[in-house]
Amino acid sequence: MNLTVVGIAIGAFVAFMSFQFGAWGFIGSIVFMAIGAVLGRLVEGKVDVRRVWDALIGRRSSQ
């Protein structure tokens, strides 16, 4: 099992806990699962943070 799956699992657990505290649970679960997946990919080294940042601020295109 790779770290992306572990990150999604952790995000899903935190999202499940958010179900206990309000009607925004579905949106919260999507957000937490995405955060978990991104963090897992960062730990694996599959995401280059510098290139993502450059694309976000407009220095470089996403291609």
Foldseek 3Di string as FASTA:
>chain_A
DALLVVLLVVLQVVLVVVVVPDPCSVVSSVVSSVVSNVVRCVVVVVDDVVVVVCCVVVVDPPD
